[in-house]
Amino acid sequence: MSAEIKIFKIVGTYYKDKKKYKFSKEIRALKEDDALEKAYTMITSIGLYRRQIKIQEIKEIKPEECEDYLIRELNK
């Protein structure tokens, strides 16, 4: 039994240097939890703490809806 890799779009905000920034990430993962963990890892790599990040939306999207060319091509 093979699991299907899905594409998740994660939208949220973070605070850095007293400024609020918006972000949107498209991530390939098996589960929503895995996608969220990967997004946290990517965003905290710029020197943030998880408590500075607020996730507003996580949703599974179709490959056609994906804006990232590489992710869309990997999902074919």
PDB file of N, CA and C in Angstrom:
ATOM      1  N   MET A   1       0.838  -1.185   0.000  1.00  0.00           N
ATOM      2  CA  MET A   1       0.000   0.000   0.000  1.00  0.00           C
ATOM      3  C   MET A   1       0.881   1.246   0.000  1.00  0.00           C
ATOM      4  N   SER A   2       0.783   2.044  -1.043  1.00  0.00           N
ATOM      5  CA  SER A   2       1.589   3.261  -1.108  1.00  0.00           C
ATOM      6  C   SER A   2       0.705   4.470  -0.804  1.00  0.00           C
ATOM      7  N   ALA A   3       1.261   5.367  -0.039  1.00  0.00           N
ATOM      8  CA  ALA A   3       0.534   6.585   0.319  1.00  0.00           C
ATOM      9  C   ALA A   3       0.756   7.634  -0.765  1.00  0.00           C
ATOM     10  N   GLU A   4      -0.262   8.403  -1.010  1.00  0.00           N
ATOM     11  CA  GLU A   4      -0.184   9.435  -2.035  1.00  0.00           C
ATOM     12  C   GLU A   4       0.352  10.732  -1.445  1.00  0.00           C
ATOM     13  N   ILE A   5       1.316  11.315  -2.133  1.00  0.00           N
ATOM     14  CA  ILE A   5       1.861  12.598  -1.687  1.00  0.00           C
ATOM     15  C   ILE A   5       0.907  13.695  -2.149  1.00  0.00           C
ATOM     16  N   LYS A   6       0.543  14.557  -1.212  1.00  0.00           N
ATOM     17  CA  LYS A   6      -0.402  15.634  -1.487  1.00  0.00           C
ATOM     18  C   LYS A   6       0.330  16.975  -1.447  1.00  0.00           C
ATOM     19  N   ILE A   7      -0.345  17.996  -1.930  1.00  0.00           N
ATOM     20  CA  ILE A   7       0.197  19.360  -1.859  1.00  0.00           C
ATOM     21  C   ILE A   7      -0.674  20.156  -0.899  1.00  0.00           C
ATOM     22  N   PHE A   8      -0.017  20.813   0.053  1.00  0.00           N
ATOM     23  CA  PHE A   8      -0.722  21.640   1.029  1.00  0.00           C
ATOM     24  C   PHE A   8      -0.278  23.088   0.875  1.00  0.00           C
ATOM     25  N   LYS A   9      -1.222  23.992   1.007  1.00  0.00           N
ATOM     26  CA  LYS A   9      -0.912  25.421   1.014  1.00  0.00           C
ATOM     27  C   LYS A   9      -1.097  25.911   2.444  1.00  0.00           C
ATOM     28  N   ILE A  10      -0.042  26.502   2.975  1.00  0.00           N
ATOM     29  CA  ILE A  10      -0.058  26.998   4.351  1.00  0.00           C
ATOM     30  C   ILE A  10       0.106  28.515   4.302  1.00  0.00           C
ATOM     31  N   VAL A  11      -0.838  29.220   4.916  1.00  0.00           N
ATOM     32  CA  VAL A  11      -0.845  30.681   4.924  1.00  0.00           C
ATOM     33  C   VAL A  11      -0.799  31.154   6.367  1.00  0.00           C
ATOM     34  N   GLY A  12      -0.015  32.188   6.614  1.00  0.00           N
ATOM     35  CA  GLY A  12       0.060  32.717   7.973  1.00  0.00           C
ATOM     36  C   GLY A  12       0.862  34.001   8.033  1.00  0.00           C
ATOM     37  N   THR A  13       1.196  34.391   9.253  1.00  0.00           N
ATOM     38  CA  THR A  13       1.982  35.602   9.487  1.00  0.00           C
ATOM     39  C   THR A  13       3.057  35.313  10.530  1.00  0.00           C
ATOM     40  N   TYR A  14       4.071  36.165  10.543  1.00  0.00           N
ATOM     41  CA  TYR A  14       5.062  36.111  11.612  1.00  0.00           C
ATOM     42  C   TYR A  14       5.533  37.532  11.907  1.00  0.00           C
ATOM     43  N   TYR A  15       6.037  37.700  13.104  1.00  0.00           N
ATOM     44  CA  TYR A  15       6.548  38.996  13.541  1.00  0.00           C
ATOM     45  C   TYR A  15       8.059  38.929  13.650  1.00  0.00           C
ATOM     46  N   LYS A  16       8.723  39.915  13.047  1.00  0.00           N
ATOM     47  CA  LYS A  16      10.184  40.022  13.153  1.00  0.00           C
ATOM     48  C   LYS A  16      10.527  41.500  13.192  1.00  0.00           C
ATOM     49  N   ASP A  17      11.326  41.884  14.146  1.00  0.00           N
ATOM     50  CA  ASP A  17      11.728  43.291  14.322  1.00  0.00           C
ATOM     51  C   ASP A  17      10.515  44.218  14.400  1.00  0.00           C
ATOM     52  N   LYS A  18       9.516  43.805  15.162  1.00  0.00           N
ATOM     53  CA  LYS A  18       8.285  44.566  15.413  1.00  0.00           C
ATOM     54  C   LYS A  18       7.479  44.848  14.148  1.00  0.00           C
ATOM     55  N   LYS A  19       7.705  44.047  13.100  1.00  0.00           N
ATOM     56  CA  LYS A  19       6.924  44.167  11.871  1.00  0.00           C
ATOM     57  C   LYS A  19       6.212  42.841  11.619  1.00  0.00           C
ATOM     58  N   LYS A  20       5.043  42.948  10.997  1.00  0.00           N
ATOM     59  CA  LYS A  20       4.254  41.762  10.691  1.00  0.00           C
ATOM     60  C   LYS A  20       4.445  41.414   9.216  1.00  0.00           C
ATOM     61  N   TYR A  21       4.764  40.165   8.949  1.00  0.00           N
ATOM     62  CA  TYR A  21       4.966  39.687   7.591  1.00  0.00           C
ATOM     63  C   TYR A  21       3.989  38.563   7.284  1.00  0.00           C
ATOM     64  N   LYS A  22       3.488  38.548   6.055  1.00  0.00           N
ATOM     65  CA  LYS A  22       2.614  37.462   5.615  1.00  0.00           C
ATOM     66  C   LYS A  22       3.458  36.460   4.839  1.00  0.00           C
ATOM     67  N   PHE A  23       3.046  35.190   4.887  1.00  0.00           N
ATOM     68  CA  PHE A  23       3.723  34.184   4.080  1.00  0.00           C
ATOM     69  C   PHE A  23       2.708  33.180   3.551  1.00  0.00           C
ATOM     70  N   SER A  24       3.103  32.535   2.479  1.00  0.00           N
ATOM     71  CA  SER A  24       2.309  31.461   1.879  1.00  0.00           C
ATOM     72  C   SER A  24       3.296  30.420   1.367  1.00  0.00           C
ATOM     73  N   LYS A  25       3.151  29.192   1.810  1.00  0.00           N
ATOM     74  CA  LYS A  25       4.055  28.106   1.421  1.00  0.00           C
ATOM     75  C   LYS A  25       3.249  26.978   0.810  1.00  0.00           C
ATOM     76  N   GLU A  26       3.767  26.421  -0.255  1.00  0.00           N
ATOM     77  CA  GLU A  26       3.179  25.223  -0.851  1.00  0.00           C
ATOM     78  C   GLU A  26       4.162  24.090  -0.593  1.00  0.00           C
ATOM     79  N   ILE A  27       3.656  23.048   0.048  1.00  0.00           N
ATOM     80  CA  ILE A  27       4.525  21.974   0.530  1.00  0.00           C
ATOM     81  C   ILE A  27       3.946  20.622   0.162  1.00  0.00           C
ATOM     82  N   ARG A  28       4.821  19.734  -0.294  1.00  0.00           N
ATOM     83  CA  ARG A  28       4.420  18.351  -0.579  1.00  0.00           C
ATOM     84  C   ARG A  28       4.626  17.520   0.681  1.00  0.00           C
ATOM     85  N   ALA A  29       3.604  16.763   1.045  1.00  0.00           N
ATOM     86  CA  ALA A  29       3.680  15.912   2.238  1.00  0.00           C
ATOM     87  C   ALA A  29       2.590  14.847   2.175  1.00  0.00           C
ATOM     88  N   LEU A  30       2.746  13.838   3.024  1.00  0.00           N
ATOM     89  CA  LEU A  30       1.739  12.778   3.096  1.00  0.00           C
ATOM     90  C   LEU A  30       0.539  13.205   3.927  1.00  0.00           C
ATOM     91  N   LYS A  31       0.813  13.961   5.017  1.00  0.00           N
ATOM     92  CA  LYS A  31      -0.251  14.370   5.940  1.00  0.00           C
ATOM     93  C   LYS A  31      -0.143  15.860   6.216  1.00  0.00           C
ATOM     94  N   GLU A  32      -1.243  16.426   6.682  1.00  0.00           N
ATOM     95  CA  GLU A  32      -1.283  17.843   7.038  1.00  0.00           C
ATOM     96  C   GLU A  32      -0.258  18.170   8.128  1.00  0.00           C
ATOM     97  N   ASP A  33      -0.135  17.297   9.128  1.00  0.00           N
ATOM     98  CA  ASP A  33       0.819  17.521  10.224  1.00  0.00           C
ATOM     99  C   ASP A  33       2.258  17.583   9.714  1.00  0.00           C
ATOM    100  N   ASP A  34       2.582  16.725   8.747  1.00  0.00           N
ATOM    101  CA  ASP A  34       3.935  16.726   8.176  1.00  0.00           C
ATOM    102  C   ASP A  34       4.205  18.028   7.427  1.00  0.00           C
ATOM    103  N   ALA A  35       3.212  18.496   6.694  1.00  0.00           N
ATOM    104  CA  ALA A  35       3.346  19.751   5.945  1.00  0.00           C
ATOM    105  C   ALA A  35       3.544  20.928   6.902  1.00  0.00           C
ATOM    106  N   LEU A  36       2.791  20.943   7.987  1.00  0.00           N
ATOM    107  CA  LEU A  36       2.906  22.019   8.971  1.00  0.00           C
ATOM    108  C   LEU A  36       4.293  22.020   9.611  1.00  0.00           C
ATOM    109  N   GLU A  37       4.792  20.848   9.957  1.00  0.00           N
ATOM    110  CA  GLU A  37       6.130  20.734  10.559  1.00  0.00           C
ATOM    111  C   GLU A  37       7.199  21.229   9.592  1.00  0.00           C
ATOM    112  N   LYS A  38       7.059  20.880   8.327  1.00  0.00           N
ATOM    113  CA  LYS A  38       8.023  21.318   7.319  1.00  0.00           C
ATOM    114  C   LYS A  38       7.987  22.842   7.158  1.00  0.00           C
ATOM    115  N   ALA A  39       6.782  23.425   7.188  1.00  0.00           N
ATOM    116  CA  ALA A  39       6.644  24.880   7.084  1.00  0.00           C
ATOM    117  C   ALA A  39       7.298  25.576   8.274  1.00  0.00           C
ATOM    118  N   TYR A  40       7.051  25.057   9.482  1.00  0.00           N
ATOM    119  CA  TYR A  40       7.696  25.627  10.676  1.00  0.00           C
ATOM    120  C   TYR A  40       9.214  25.569  10.542  1.00  0.00           C
ATOM    121  N   THR A  41       9.730  24.454  10.075  1.00  0.00           N
ATOM    122  CA  THR A  41      11.177  24.290   9.913  1.00  0.00           C
ATOM    123  C   THR A  41      11.738  25.309   8.934  1.00  0.00           C
ATOM    124  N   MET A  42      11.043  25.495   7.816  1.00  0.00           N
ATOM    125  CA  MET A  42      11.511  26.458   6.808  1.00  0.00           C
ATOM    126  C   MET A  42      11.503  27.886   7.348  1.00  0.00           C
ATOM    127  N   ILE A  43      10.439  28.263   8.048  1.00  0.00           N
ATOM    128  CA  ILE A  43      10.296  29.647   8.516  1.00  0.00           C
ATOM    129  C   ILE A  43      11.228  29.932   9.696  1.00  0.00           C
ATOM    130  N   THR A  44      11.396  28.981  10.602  1.00  0.00           N
ATOM    131  CA  THR A  44      12.289  29.212  11.744  1.00  0.00           C
ATOM    132  C   THR A  44      13.758  29.231  11.324  1.00  0.00           C
ATOM    133  N   SER A  45      14.062  28.780  10.108  1.00  0.00           N
ATOM    134  CA  SER A  45      15.448  28.803   9.635  1.00  0.00           C
ATOM    135  C   SER A  45      15.961  30.231   9.417  1.00  0.00           C
ATOM    136  N   ILE A  46      15.058  31.227   9.392  1.00  0.00           N
ATOM    137  CA  ILE A  46      15.495  32.622   9.226  1.00  0.00           C
ATOM    138  C   ILE A  46      15.668  33.311  10.580  1.00  0.00           C
ATOM    139  N   GLY A  47      15.689  32.528  11.640  1.00  0.00           N
ATOM    140  CA  GLY A  47      15.981  33.096  12.960  1.00  0.00           C
ATOM    141  C   GLY A  47      14.757  33.454  13.784  1.00  0.00           C
ATOM    142  N   LEU A  48      13.652  32.783  13.563  1.00  0.00           N
ATOM    143  CA  LEU A  48      12.425  33.021  14.331  1.00  0.00           C
ATOM    144  C   LEU A  48      12.165  31.875  15.289  1.00  0.00           C
ATOM    145  N   TYR A  49      11.321  32.145  16.268  1.00  0.00           N
ATOM    146  CA  TYR A  49      10.813  31.099  17.151  1.00  0.00           C
ATOM    147  C   TYR A  49       9.420  30.721  16.675  1.00  0.00           C
ATOM    148  N   ARG A  50       9.027  29.498  16.981  1.00  0.00           N
ATOM    149  CA  ARG A  50       7.690  29.051  16.581  1.00  0.00           C
ATOM    150  C   ARG A  50       6.594  29.928  17.170  1.00  0.00           C
ATOM    151  N   ARG A  51       6.832  30.475  18.340  1.00  0.00           N
ATOM    152  CA  ARG A  51       5.791  31.304  18.970  1.00  0.00           C
ATOM    153  C   ARG A  51       5.566  32.612  18.208  1.00  0.00           C
ATOM    154  N   GLN A  52       6.489  32.992  17.329  1.00  0.00           N
ATOM    155  CA  GLN A  52       6.335  34.201  16.525  1.00  0.00           C
ATOM    156  C   GLN A  52       5.497  33.955  15.272  1.00  0.00           C
ATOM    157  N   ILE A  53       5.199  32.696  14.985  1.00  0.00           N
ATOM    158  CA  ILE A  53       4.492  32.317  13.760  1.00  0.00           C
ATOM    159  C   ILE A  53       3.036  32.001  14.066  1.00  0.00           C
ATOM    160  N   LYS A  54       2.133  32.590  13.325  1.00  0.00           N
ATOM    161  CA  LYS A  54       0.700  32.325  13.466  1.00  0.00           C
ATOM    162  C   LYS A  54       0.198  31.742  12.151  1.00  0.00           C
ATOM    163  N   ILE A  55      -0.292  30.517  12.191  1.00  0.00           N
ATOM    164  CA  ILE A  55      -0.828  29.859  11.007  1.00  0.00           C
ATOM    165  C   ILE A  55      -2.314  30.203  10.903  1.00  0.00           C
ATOM    166  N   GLN A  56      -2.738  30.717   9.747  1.00  0.00           N
ATOM    167  CA  GLN A  56      -4.136  31.075   9.552  1.00  0.00           C
ATOM    168  C   GLN A  56      -4.910  30.013   8.782  1.00  0.00           C
ATOM    169  N   GLU A  57      -4.222  29.325   7.863  1.00  0.00           N
ATOM    170  CA  GLU A  57      -4.948  28.369   7.030  1.00  0.00           C
ATOM    171  C   GLU A  57      -4.008  27.274   6.529  1.00  0.00           C
ATOM    172  N   ILE A  58      -4.507  26.061   6.559  1.00  0.00           N
ATOM    173  CA  ILE A  58      -3.827  24.923   5.939  1.00  0.00           C
ATOM    174  C   ILE A  58      -4.880  24.214   5.103  1.00  0.00           C
ATOM    175  N   LYS A  59      -4.593  24.060   3.820  1.00  0.00           N
ATOM    176  CA  LYS A  59      -5.562  23.343   2.991  1.00  0.00           C
ATOM    177  C   LYS A  59      -4.831  22.538   1.930  1.00  0.00           C
ATOM    178  N   GLU A  60      -5.443  21.425   1.580  1.00  0.00           N
ATOM    179  CA  GLU A  60      -4.910  20.600   0.508  1.00  0.00           C
ATOM    180  C   GLU A  60      -5.354  21.219  -0.810  1.00  0.00           C
ATOM    181  N   ILE A  61      -4.416  21.326  -1.748  1.00  0.00           N
ATOM    182  CA  ILE A  61      -4.746  21.891  -3.053  1.00  0.00           C
ATOM    183  C   ILE A  61      -4.428  20.874  -4.150  1.00  0.00           C
ATOM    184  N   LYS A  62      -5.047  21.073  -5.292  1.00  0.00           N
ATOM    185  CA  LYS A  62      -4.797  20.218  -6.451  1.00  0.00           C
ATOM    186  C   LYS A  62      -3.518  20.691  -7.140  1.00  0.00           C
ATOM    187  N   PRO A  63      -2.830  19.802  -7.850  1.00  0.00           N
ATOM    188  CA  PRO A  63      -1.602  20.220  -8.556  1.00  0.00           C
ATOM    189  C   PRO A  63      -1.833  21.398  -9.503  1.00  0.00           C
ATOM    190  N   GLU A  64      -3.016  21.481 -10.115  1.00  0.00           N
ATOM    191  CA  GLU A  64      -3.306  22.588 -11.040  1.00  0.00           C
ATOM    192  C   GLU A  64      -3.371  23.937 -10.321  1.00  0.00           C
ATOM    193  N   GLU A  65      -3.694  23.922  -9.030  1.00  0.00           N
ATOM    194  CA  GLU A  65      -3.804  25.164  -8.249  1.00  0.00           C
ATOM    195  C   GLU A  65      -2.453  25.637  -7.718  1.00  0.00           C
ATOM    196  N   CYS A  66      -1.473  24.776  -7.789  1.00  0.00           N
ATOM    197  CA  CYS A  66      -0.149  25.068  -7.225  1.00  0.00           C
ATOM    198  C   CYS A  66       0.557  26.138  -8.052  1.00  0.00           C
ATOM    199  N   GLU A  67       1.099  27.151  -7.385  1.00  0.00           N
ATOM    200  CA  GLU A  67       1.804  28.226  -8.067  1.00  0.00           C
ATOM    201  C   GLU A  67       3.284  27.912  -8.255  1.00  0.00           C
ATOM    202  N   ASP A  68       3.832  27.026  -7.422  1.00  0.00           N
ATOM    203  CA  ASP A  68       5.242  26.653  -7.492  1.00  0.00           C
ATOM    204  C   ASP A  68       5.441  25.614  -8.600  1.00  0.00           C
ATOM    205  N   TYR A  69       6.160  25.999  -9.643  1.00  0.00           N
ATOM    206  CA  TYR A  69       6.348  25.146 -10.808  1.00  0.00           C
ATOM    207  C   TYR A  69       6.983  23.798 -10.445  1.00  0.00           C
ATOM    208  N   LEU A  70       8.017  23.820  -9.623  1.00  0.00           N
ATOM    209  CA  LEU A  70       8.711  22.582  -9.262  1.00  0.00           C
ATOM    210  C   LEU A  70       7.804  21.612  -8.519  1.00  0.00           C
ATOM    211  N   ILE A  71       7.055  22.113  -7.588  1.00  0.00           N
ATOM    212  CA  ILE A  71       6.129  21.245  -6.824  1.00  0.00           C
ATOM    213  C   ILE A  71       5.071  20.674  -7.755  1.00  0.00           C
ATOM    214  N   ARG A  72       4.574  21.503  -8.653  1.00  0.00           N
ATOM    215  CA  ARG A  72       3.549  21.042  -9.599  1.00  0.00           C
ATOM    216  C   ARG A  72       4.113  19.939 -10.497  1.00  0.00           C
ATOM    217  N   GLU A  73       5.326  20.109 -10.983  1.00  0.00           N
ATOM    218  CA  GLU A  73       5.941  19.106 -11.852  1.00  0.00           C
ATOM    219  C   GLU A  73       6.271  17.823 -11.106  1.00  0.00           C
ATOM    220  N   LEU A  74       6.682  17.930  -9.864  1.00  0.00           N
ATOM    221  CA  LEU A  74       6.988  16.725  -9.062  1.00  0.00           C
ATOM    222  C   LEU A  74       5.748  15.890  -8.784  1.00  0.00           C
ATOM    223  N   ASN A  75       4.602  16.508  -8.824  1.00  0.00           N
ATOM    224  CA  ASN A  75       3.371  15.813  -8.485  1.00  0.00           C
ATOM    225  C   ASN A  75       2.704  15.155  -9.697  1.00  0.00           C
ATOM    226  N   LYS A  76       3.327  15.232 -10.846  1.00  0.00           N
ATOM    227  CA  LYS A  76       2.737  14.612 -12.050  1.00  0.00           C
ATOM    228  C   LYS A  76       2.934  13.117 -12.034  1.00  0.00           C
TER     229      LYS A  76
END
